[in-house]
Amino acid sequence: MASTDIATQKTSIRGLGKHAIMPELRCDDEYLLNYQMALSKFLREKVQTKNINIYKKKVEPVFKKKYGRSPKSRHEVRKAMLKEPAYQWWACLRRHLQEQSSSFKFPIVERQVDSLSEIAKNYRKKKGLGSLKLNNKIPYPKYQTAMDMHWMPGSYHTEVSDYDVFSGAMYDLGGLYIGTGGKMGPYNDGPGWAAINWLNKKYPKFSPKKILDQGCTVGHSTLAYAEAWPKAEITGIDFAAPVLRYAHARAESLNKKISFVQSLAEKTDFESNTFDLVISSMFLHETSTKAIKELFSETFRLLKPGGLMLHIEQPPFHLMKTVFEQFEMDWDTHNNNEPFWGPMHDLNLVKISSDSGFKKFKTFEEFCPFVIPQDDKSIKVAKAGNWFLFGAWK
């Protein structure tokens, strides 16, 4: 397994976890991706941190002078900040970094995609630990097909070759690792482990026997659940076949027993009262208001009595302290082809869950510490940072 030394994670793509279907990197590939890590760290730690000073010293005083008050919403902050050259420079470079990520990784995956597909095929032919069930008749949702999500060409569902795994390889090849400086761990399963850590401390007797991971993509956090609850029957679902083919091969090569199923989260074929835990990681903001209402209702149907719905996300706007913080967190809505990011964080999830059948007093909004998985299977609690957890017991 790759080193999880924090200093190494922040400077080199070599810390990214290895497995049988991970694209291989040449020296020049490493240089390009390491450059991206360095630029991402520079923008995050040296430039973005100055945006608050621009707001406090220039934007807010000018706004107060003109309107006799401070901005009341993230929208007013954004409109004013967009006029500032320093902010424009940061925003342009961050957007460029996201688009550049795909342009760097695309040729790396393209030159070996045939061999990656063969690896995935071979794992499916074998009688392995887990399984893969695809369904080419499910309708692809507009909230995913209307744009290239995260500026990744073809998004996560496009197929152009036999047994296509291209988008799975693109997603797994350092996107989250580069963007966070490795702070989600070598296998990018930090969000899952954060939820596990919180559950073990908050509900030490909770030991789910059947788990459903919604919107699992390549199974980053899905594998964390398999590690934490080795006796559990775990299913990961996603609407996109390329990421599921990749996820299955990845899980098999890492000796994890997962059943992957191609399905919409808002409409599944599973029987009612099947799962003890229905969970997702950074998934809700990639859907739509209609989809969230439907998947909450579907989750209520799927959960056993006493089961738990749990979603790992960034915090909603009503739990942020200032409109400037809301403005900063809303960047992806306007710049990263994630148009539902802002609207989702405006939603009243408590009401939606209540309308779906969950009792209001069994619903919660909490924060859990950010954790970094280590090589020895321990987790290191970060000095700063939290995940937002939205959940409800049935």
Protein backbone atom coordinates (compact mmCIF):
# COMPACT_ATOMS: atom_id res chain seq x y z
CA MET A 1 0.00 0.00 0.00
CA ALA A 2 1.08 3.57 -0.64
CA SER A 3 2.52 5.79 2.06
CA THR A 4 0.04 7.97 3.92
CA ASP A 5 2.65 10.26 5.45
CA ILE A 6 0.94 13.65 5.46
CA ALA A 7 3.91 15.51 4.01
CA THR A 8 4.15 13.02 1.14
CA GLN A 9 0.43 13.25 0.44
CA LYS A 10 0.63 17.01 0.04
CA THR A 11 3.40 16.96 -2.55
CA SER A 12 3.31 13.74 -4.60
CA ILE A 13 0.83 11.66 -6.54
CA ARG A 14 2.88 8.63 -5.48
CA GLY A 15 0.89 8.54 -2.26
CA LEU A 16 -2.25 7.57 -4.19
CA GLY A 17 -3.33 4.02 -3.32
CA LYS A 18 -2.49 1.29 -5.82
CA HIS A 19 -4.63 -1.59 -7.10
CA ALA A 20 -4.87 -3.79 -10.18
CA ILE A 21 -6.94 -1.47 -12.36
CA MET A 22 -5.35 1.86 -11.39
CA PRO A 23 -3.80 3.48 -14.51
CA GLU A 24 -0.02 3.29 -14.51
CA LEU A 25 1.96 6.53 -14.47
CA ARG A 26 5.12 7.39 -16.37
CA CYS A 27 7.61 9.87 -14.97
CA ASP A 28 6.22 12.72 -17.07
CA ASP A 29 2.69 11.84 -15.91
CA GLU A 30 3.82 12.12 -12.30
CA TYR A 31 5.40 15.50 -12.96
CA LEU A 32 2.18 16.87 -14.45
CA LEU A 33 -0.02 15.56 -11.63
CA ASN A 34 2.45 16.72 -8.97
CA TYR A 35 2.38 20.16 -10.57
CA GLN A 36 -1.39 20.08 -10.23
CA MET A 37 -1.10 19.14 -6.56
CA ALA A 38 1.31 21.98 -5.95
CA LEU A 39 -0.84 24.53 -7.76
CA SER A 40 -3.96 23.32 -5.96
CA LYS A 41 -2.22 23.64 -2.59
CA PHE A 42 -0.91 27.10 -3.48
CA LEU A 43 -4.33 28.37 -4.54
CA ARG A 44 -6.05 26.80 -1.53
CA GLU A 45 -3.59 27.90 1.16
CA LYS A 46 -1.92 31.05 -0.18
CA VAL A 47 -4.45 32.74 -2.46
CA GLN A 48 -7.98 31.72 -1.47
CA THR A 49 -7.28 32.59 2.14
CA LYS A 50 -6.78 36.22 1.07
CA ASN A 51 -10.27 36.52 -0.43
CA ILE A 52 -11.75 37.32 2.98
CA ASN A 53 -9.40 40.31 3.25
CA ILE A 54 -10.57 41.60 -0.14
CA TYR A 55 -14.13 41.30 1.07
CA LYS A 56 -13.60 42.89 4.49
CA LYS A 57 -11.31 45.73 3.38
CA LYS A 58 -12.74 46.61 -0.03
CA VAL A 59 -16.00 44.95 -1.03
CA GLU A 60 -18.03 45.19 2.18
CA PRO A 61 -17.14 48.87 2.90
CA VAL A 62 -18.06 49.90 -0.65
CA PHE A 63 -21.32 47.93 -0.40
CA LYS A 64 -22.16 49.54 2.96
CA LYS A 65 -21.49 53.00 1.60
CA LYS A 66 -23.80 52.40 -1.36
CA TYR A 67 -26.65 50.55 0.39
CA GLY A 68 -26.27 51.47 4.04
CA ARG A 69 -25.88 47.81 5.06
CA SER A 70 -23.72 44.73 4.60
CA PRO A 71 -24.62 42.11 1.98
CA LYS A 72 -27.49 39.89 3.13
CA SER A 73 -26.92 36.91 0.87
CA ARG A 74 -24.20 34.95 -0.89
CA HIS A 75 -25.62 36.22 -4.17
CA GLU A 76 -24.98 39.85 -3.20
CA VAL A 77 -21.46 38.95 -2.08
CA ARG A 78 -20.75 37.15 -5.35
CA LYS A 79 -22.01 40.01 -7.51
CA ALA A 80 -19.69 42.42 -5.70
CA MET A 81 -16.66 40.11 -5.51
CA LEU A 82 -16.76 39.36 -9.24
CA LYS A 83 -15.70 42.96 -9.86
CA GLU A 84 -12.43 42.51 -7.95
CA PRO A 85 -9.38 41.66 -10.15
CA ALA A 86 -7.64 39.70 -7.38
CA TYR A 87 -10.67 37.51 -6.88
CA GLN A 88 -11.09 37.12 -10.65
CA TRP A 89 -7.48 35.89 -10.85
CA TRP A 90 -7.99 33.26 -8.14
CA ALA A 91 -11.33 32.11 -9.59
CA CYS A 92 -9.88 31.87 -13.09
CA LEU A 93 -6.92 29.78 -11.91
CA ARG A 94 -9.13 27.47 -9.87
CA ARG A 95 -11.45 26.91 -12.81
CA HIS A 96 -8.41 26.37 -15.04
CA LEU A 97 -7.07 23.82 -12.54
CA GLN A 98 -10.29 21.80 -12.70
CA GLU A 99 -10.37 21.77 -16.49
CA GLN A 100 -6.64 21.05 -16.65
CA SER A 101 -7.14 18.00 -14.46
CA SER A 102 -9.10 16.32 -17.23
CA SER A 103 -6.72 17.43 -19.96
CA PHE A 104 -3.77 15.94 -18.04
CA LYS A 105 -5.47 12.67 -17.12
CA PHE A 106 -7.27 12.01 -20.41
CA PRO A 107 -4.19 10.91 -22.42
CA ILE A 108 -2.91 8.86 -19.47
CA VAL A 109 -6.11 6.83 -19.41
CA GLU A 110 -6.60 6.82 -23.19
CA ARG A 111 -3.30 5.11 -23.98
CA GLN A 112 -4.09 2.18 -21.65
CA VAL A 113 -7.89 2.05 -21.64
CA ASP A 114 -7.97 -1.20 -23.64
CA SER A 115 -5.82 -3.00 -21.10
CA LEU A 116 -7.86 -1.53 -18.23
CA SER A 117 -11.04 -2.81 -19.86
CA GLU A 118 -9.48 -6.27 -20.20
CA ILE A 119 -8.58 -6.25 -16.51
CA ALA A 120 -12.18 -5.36 -15.65
CA LYS A 121 -13.50 -8.08 -17.97
CA ASN A 122 -11.27 -10.70 -16.41
CA TYR A 123 -12.40 -9.84 -12.91
CA ARG A 124 -16.02 -10.18 -13.99
CA LYS A 125 -15.34 -13.59 -15.58
CA LYS A 126 -13.76 -14.90 -12.41
CA LYS A 127 -15.80 -16.26 -9.55
CA GLY A 128 -14.75 -13.50 -7.19
CA LEU A 129 -15.82 -12.18 -3.83
CA GLY A 130 -18.44 -9.72 -5.04
CA SER A 131 -20.63 -9.24 -8.10
CA LEU A 132 -21.64 -6.80 -10.83
CA LYS A 133 -25.16 -6.42 -12.20
CA LEU A 134 -25.65 -4.00 -15.09
CA ASN A 135 -28.90 -2.75 -16.60
CA ASN A 136 -28.69 -0.88 -19.89
CA LYS A 137 -32.40 -0.09 -19.83
CA ILE A 138 -32.39 2.36 -16.92
CA PRO A 139 -33.03 5.97 -17.98
CA TYR A 140 -30.06 8.27 -17.49
CA PRO A 141 -31.16 11.27 -15.38
CA LYS A 142 -31.00 14.72 -16.92
CA TYR A 143 -29.29 16.08 -13.81
CA GLN A 144 -26.26 14.02 -14.87
CA THR A 145 -26.46 14.08 -18.66
CA ALA A 146 -27.16 17.80 -19.21
CA MET A 147 -23.51 18.74 -18.67
CA ASP A 148 -20.03 17.28 -18.24
CA MET A 149 -20.06 16.99 -14.45
CA HIS A 150 -16.91 18.46 -12.87
CA TRP A 151 -15.76 19.34 -16.41
CA MET A 152 -14.90 15.69 -17.06
CA PRO A 153 -15.40 15.00 -20.80
CA GLY A 154 -18.39 12.72 -21.25
CA SER A 155 -19.19 12.94 -17.55
CA TYR A 156 -19.51 9.56 -15.78
CA HIS A 157 -21.91 7.68 -18.04
CA THR A 158 -20.61 8.02 -21.62
CA GLU A 159 -19.48 4.82 -23.31
CA VAL A 160 -17.46 4.72 -26.52
CA SER A 161 -15.89 1.24 -26.41
CA ASP A 162 -16.61 -2.32 -25.46
CA TYR A 163 -16.78 -2.80 -21.69
CA ASP A 164 -15.92 0.86 -21.16
CA VAL A 165 -14.21 1.84 -17.87
CA PHE A 166 -12.80 5.18 -19.04
CA SER A 167 -14.73 7.49 -16.72
CA GLY A 168 -14.06 5.24 -13.74
CA ALA A 169 -10.32 5.43 -14.37
CA MET A 170 -10.50 9.20 -14.88
CA TYR A 171 -12.33 9.68 -11.59
CA ASP A 172 -10.06 7.40 -9.59
CA LEU A 173 -6.83 8.82 -10.97
CA GLY A 174 -6.12 11.44 -8.40
CA GLY A 175 -8.99 13.92 -8.77
CA LEU A 176 -9.97 13.99 -5.12
CA TYR A 177 -6.45 13.16 -4.03
CA ILE A 178 -4.96 16.08 -5.95
CA GLY A 179 -7.67 18.54 -4.97
CA THR A 180 -7.40 17.81 -1.25
CA GLY A 181 -3.67 17.22 -1.01
CA GLY A 182 -4.28 13.60 -0.11
CA LYS A 183 -6.35 14.48 2.93
CA MET A 184 -9.00 11.87 2.13
CA GLY A 185 -6.40 9.12 2.40
CA PRO A 186 -4.61 7.10 -0.30
CA TYR A 187 -7.85 5.43 -1.40
CA ASN A 188 -10.03 8.56 -1.08
CA ASP A 189 -12.25 6.85 1.50
CA GLY A 190 -11.93 9.54 4.17
CA PRO A 191 -15.61 10.57 4.03
CA GLY A 192 -16.71 6.98 4.64
CA TRP A 193 -14.29 6.54 7.53
CA ALA A 194 -15.42 9.85 9.04
CA ALA A 195 -19.00 8.55 9.12
CA ILE A 196 -17.87 5.18 10.50
CA ASN A 197 -15.84 6.90 13.21
CA TRP A 198 -18.83 9.05 14.16
CA LEU A 199 -21.22 6.08 14.22
CA ASN A 200 -18.88 3.96 16.34
CA LYS A 201 -18.63 6.72 18.93
CA LYS A 202 -22.24 7.89 18.82
CA TYR A 203 -23.92 4.49 18.41
CA PRO A 204 -21.36 1.85 19.45
CA LYS A 205 -23.94 -0.95 19.34
CA PHE A 206 -25.01 -0.18 15.77
CA SER A 207 -23.68 -2.94 13.52
CA PRO A 208 -25.49 -3.01 10.16
CA LYS A 209 -25.86 -6.37 8.46
CA LYS A 210 -27.04 -5.01 5.10
CA ILE A 211 -25.72 -1.73 3.70
CA LEU A 212 -26.65 0.23 0.57
CA ASP A 213 -24.25 2.90 -0.74
CA GLN A 214 -26.09 5.31 -3.04
CA GLY A 215 -24.19 6.98 -5.89
CA CYS A 216 -21.06 4.95 -5.14
CA THR A 217 -19.16 5.77 -8.39
CA VAL A 218 -15.89 3.75 -8.14
CA GLY A 219 -16.56 2.62 -4.57
CA HIS A 220 -14.17 4.82 -2.58
CA SER A 221 -16.24 4.95 0.61
CA THR A 222 -18.02 1.68 -0.19
CA LEU A 223 -14.81 -0.22 0.54
CA ALA A 224 -14.46 1.56 3.88
CA TYR A 225 -17.82 0.12 4.95
CA ALA A 226 -16.64 -3.35 3.92
CA GLU A 227 -13.53 -2.88 6.04
CA ALA A 228 -15.45 -1.55 9.04
CA TRP A 229 -18.23 -4.15 8.94
CA PRO A 230 -16.62 -7.25 7.33
CA LYS A 231 -19.63 -9.48 8.02
CA ALA A 232 -22.09 -7.08 6.40
CA GLU A 233 -23.65 -7.60 2.98
CA ILE A 234 -22.78 -4.43 1.08
CA THR A 235 -24.30 -3.12 -2.16
CA GLY A 236 -23.13 -0.09 -4.10
CA ILE A 237 -25.38 1.47 -6.72
CA ASP A 238 -24.80 4.03 -9.43
CA PHE A 239 -26.55 4.87 -12.71
CA ALA A 240 -23.32 4.83 -14.76
CA ALA A 241 -21.99 1.50 -16.07
CA PRO A 242 -18.37 2.63 -16.74
CA VAL A 243 -17.74 3.57 -13.11
CA LEU A 244 -19.40 0.37 -11.87
CA ARG A 245 -17.27 -1.87 -14.10
CA TYR A 246 -14.22 -0.11 -12.75
CA ALA A 247 -15.54 -0.24 -9.16
CA HIS A 248 -16.10 -3.99 -9.32
CA ALA A 249 -12.57 -4.71 -10.58
CA ARG A 250 -11.12 -2.28 -8.04
CA ALA A 251 -12.95 -3.92 -5.14
CA GLU A 252 -12.03 -7.43 -6.26
CA SER A 253 -8.36 -6.50 -6.58
CA LEU A 254 -8.44 -5.07 -3.06
CA ASN A 255 -10.13 -8.23 -1.71
CA LYS A 256 -13.40 -6.58 -0.76
CA LYS A 257 -16.76 -8.30 -1.20
CA ILE A 258 -19.15 -5.77 -2.72
CA SER A 259 -22.23 -6.23 -4.91
CA PHE A 260 -22.39 -3.44 -7.49
CA VAL A 261 -25.71 -2.76 -9.20
CA GLN A 262 -26.56 -0.30 -11.95
CA SER A 263 -29.56 1.58 -10.65
CA LEU A 264 -30.98 5.00 -9.95
CA ALA A 265 -31.00 5.72 -6.22
CA GLU A 266 -34.50 7.18 -6.47
CA LYS A 267 -35.97 4.03 -8.02
CA THR A 268 -34.50 0.62 -7.20
CA ASP A 269 -35.64 -2.98 -7.56
CA PHE A 270 -34.72 -3.99 -4.02
CA GLU A 271 -37.43 -5.34 -1.74
CA SER A 272 -38.87 -3.20 1.03
CA ASN A 273 -37.36 -3.41 4.53
CA THR A 274 -34.06 -4.78 3.19
CA PHE A 275 -31.25 -2.57 4.56
CA ASP A 276 -30.02 -1.58 8.02
CA LEU A 277 -28.00 1.36 6.65
CA VAL A 278 -28.56 3.40 3.50
CA ILE A 279 -25.71 5.84 3.07
CA SER A 280 -24.17 8.22 0.55
CA SER A 281 -21.05 10.33 0.29
CA MET A 282 -21.03 13.71 -1.51
CA PHE A 283 -23.93 12.48 -3.60
CA LEU A 284 -27.01 14.58 -2.87
CA HIS A 285 -25.64 17.78 -4.42
CA GLU A 286 -25.09 15.93 -7.71
CA THR A 287 -28.82 15.17 -8.14
CA SER A 288 -31.91 17.44 -8.15
CA THR A 289 -34.72 18.53 -5.83
CA LYS A 290 -37.12 16.05 -7.45
CA ALA A 291 -34.56 13.25 -7.20
CA ILE A 292 -33.84 13.94 -3.51
CA LYS A 293 -37.53 13.81 -2.64
CA GLU A 294 -37.87 10.53 -4.50
CA LEU A 295 -34.69 8.93 -3.11
CA PHE A 296 -35.63 9.87 0.47
CA SER A 297 -38.99 8.14 -0.04
CA GLU A 298 -37.23 5.18 -1.66
CA THR A 299 -34.77 5.04 1.23
CA PHE A 300 -37.61 4.93 3.75
CA ARG A 301 -39.12 2.02 1.82
CA LEU A 302 -35.82 0.14 1.68
CA LEU A 303 -34.84 0.54 5.33
CA LYS A 304 -35.75 -2.03 7.94
CA PRO A 305 -37.52 -0.69 11.04
CA GLY A 306 -34.76 0.77 13.19
CA GLY A 307 -32.54 1.29 10.13
CA LEU A 308 -30.55 4.45 9.42
CA MET A 309 -30.42 6.84 6.47
CA LEU A 310 -27.13 8.78 6.50
CA HIS A 311 -25.78 11.29 3.97
CA ILE A 312 -22.26 12.72 4.13
CA GLU A 313 -22.16 16.21 2.66
CA GLN A 314 -20.86 19.73 3.02
CA PRO A 315 -22.96 21.84 5.42
CA PRO A 316 -26.17 23.54 4.32
CA PHE A 317 -26.17 27.31 4.10
CA HIS A 318 -28.33 27.79 7.19
CA LEU A 319 -25.59 26.25 9.33
CA MET A 320 -22.85 28.53 7.99
CA LYS A 321 -21.94 31.52 10.14
CA THR A 322 -21.57 34.25 7.52
CA VAL A 323 -22.78 35.13 4.03
CA PHE A 324 -19.14 35.24 2.91
CA GLU A 325 -18.68 31.62 3.97
CA GLN A 326 -21.83 30.76 2.03
CA PHE A 327 -20.45 32.60 -1.00
CA GLU A 328 -17.16 30.70 -0.91
CA MET A 329 -18.86 27.33 -0.55
CA ASP A 330 -21.14 28.15 -3.49
CA TRP A 331 -18.28 28.43 -5.99
CA ASP A 332 -18.93 25.02 -7.58
CA THR A 333 -22.50 25.98 -8.49
CA HIS A 334 -21.26 28.59 -10.94
CA ASN A 335 -17.86 27.25 -11.95
CA ASN A 336 -17.62 23.47 -11.71
CA ASN A 337 -20.62 22.21 -13.68
CA GLU A 338 -22.46 21.37 -10.48
CA PRO A 339 -25.56 23.56 -10.90
CA PHE A 340 -27.45 21.86 -8.07
CA TRP A 341 -24.73 22.48 -5.47
CA GLY A 342 -26.22 25.76 -4.24
CA PRO A 343 -29.92 24.86 -4.51
CA MET A 344 -29.33 21.57 -2.66
CA HIS A 345 -27.69 23.38 0.25
CA ASP A 346 -30.73 25.65 0.44
CA LEU A 347 -33.13 22.70 0.81
CA ASN A 348 -34.96 21.91 4.03
CA LEU A 349 -33.85 18.29 4.27
CA VAL A 350 -35.68 17.80 7.57
CA LYS A 351 -39.00 18.63 5.91
CA ILE A 352 -38.24 16.44 2.90
CA SER A 353 -37.38 13.49 5.15
CA SER A 354 -40.56 14.06 7.18
CA ASP A 355 -42.62 14.14 3.99
CA SER A 356 -40.93 10.86 3.03
CA GLY A 357 -42.11 9.06 6.16
CA PHE A 358 -39.32 9.67 8.68
CA LYS A 359 -40.34 11.05 12.06
CA LYS A 360 -39.00 14.56 12.67
CA PHE A 361 -37.70 13.67 16.14
CA LYS A 362 -35.66 10.84 14.62
CA THR A 363 -33.98 13.18 12.11
CA PHE A 364 -30.67 14.91 12.78
CA GLU A 365 -28.15 17.37 11.34
CA GLU A 366 -24.70 16.97 12.84
CA PHE A 367 -21.02 17.52 12.14
CA CYS A 368 -18.35 14.85 12.38
CA PRO A 369 -14.56 15.33 12.41
CA PHE A 370 -12.58 15.09 9.18
CA VAL A 371 -10.37 12.00 9.32
CA ILE A 372 -7.42 10.76 7.25
CA PRO A 373 -7.10 6.97 6.80
CA GLN A 374 -3.62 5.56 7.46
CA ASP A 375 -1.62 2.61 6.10
CA ASP A 376 -2.05 0.63 9.30
CA LYS A 377 -5.86 0.89 8.92
CA SER A 378 -6.09 3.44 11.72
CA ILE A 379 -7.53 6.88 11.13
CA LYS A 380 -6.01 10.22 12.01
CA VAL A 381 -8.42 12.94 13.07
CA ALA A 382 -7.53 16.16 11.25
CA LYS A 383 -6.74 19.29 13.22
CA ALA A 384 -9.47 21.18 11.39
CA GLY A 385 -12.45 20.41 9.19
CA ASN A 386 -15.76 18.64 9.53
CA TRP A 387 -18.19 16.73 7.39
CA PHE A 388 -21.90 17.47 7.62
CA LEU A 389 -24.12 14.49 8.35
CA PHE A 390 -27.80 14.44 7.59
CA GLY A 391 -29.65 11.39 8.80
CA ALA A 392 -32.84 9.82 10.08
CA TRP A 393 -33.77 6.61 11.85
CA LYS A 394 -36.75 4.62 10.65
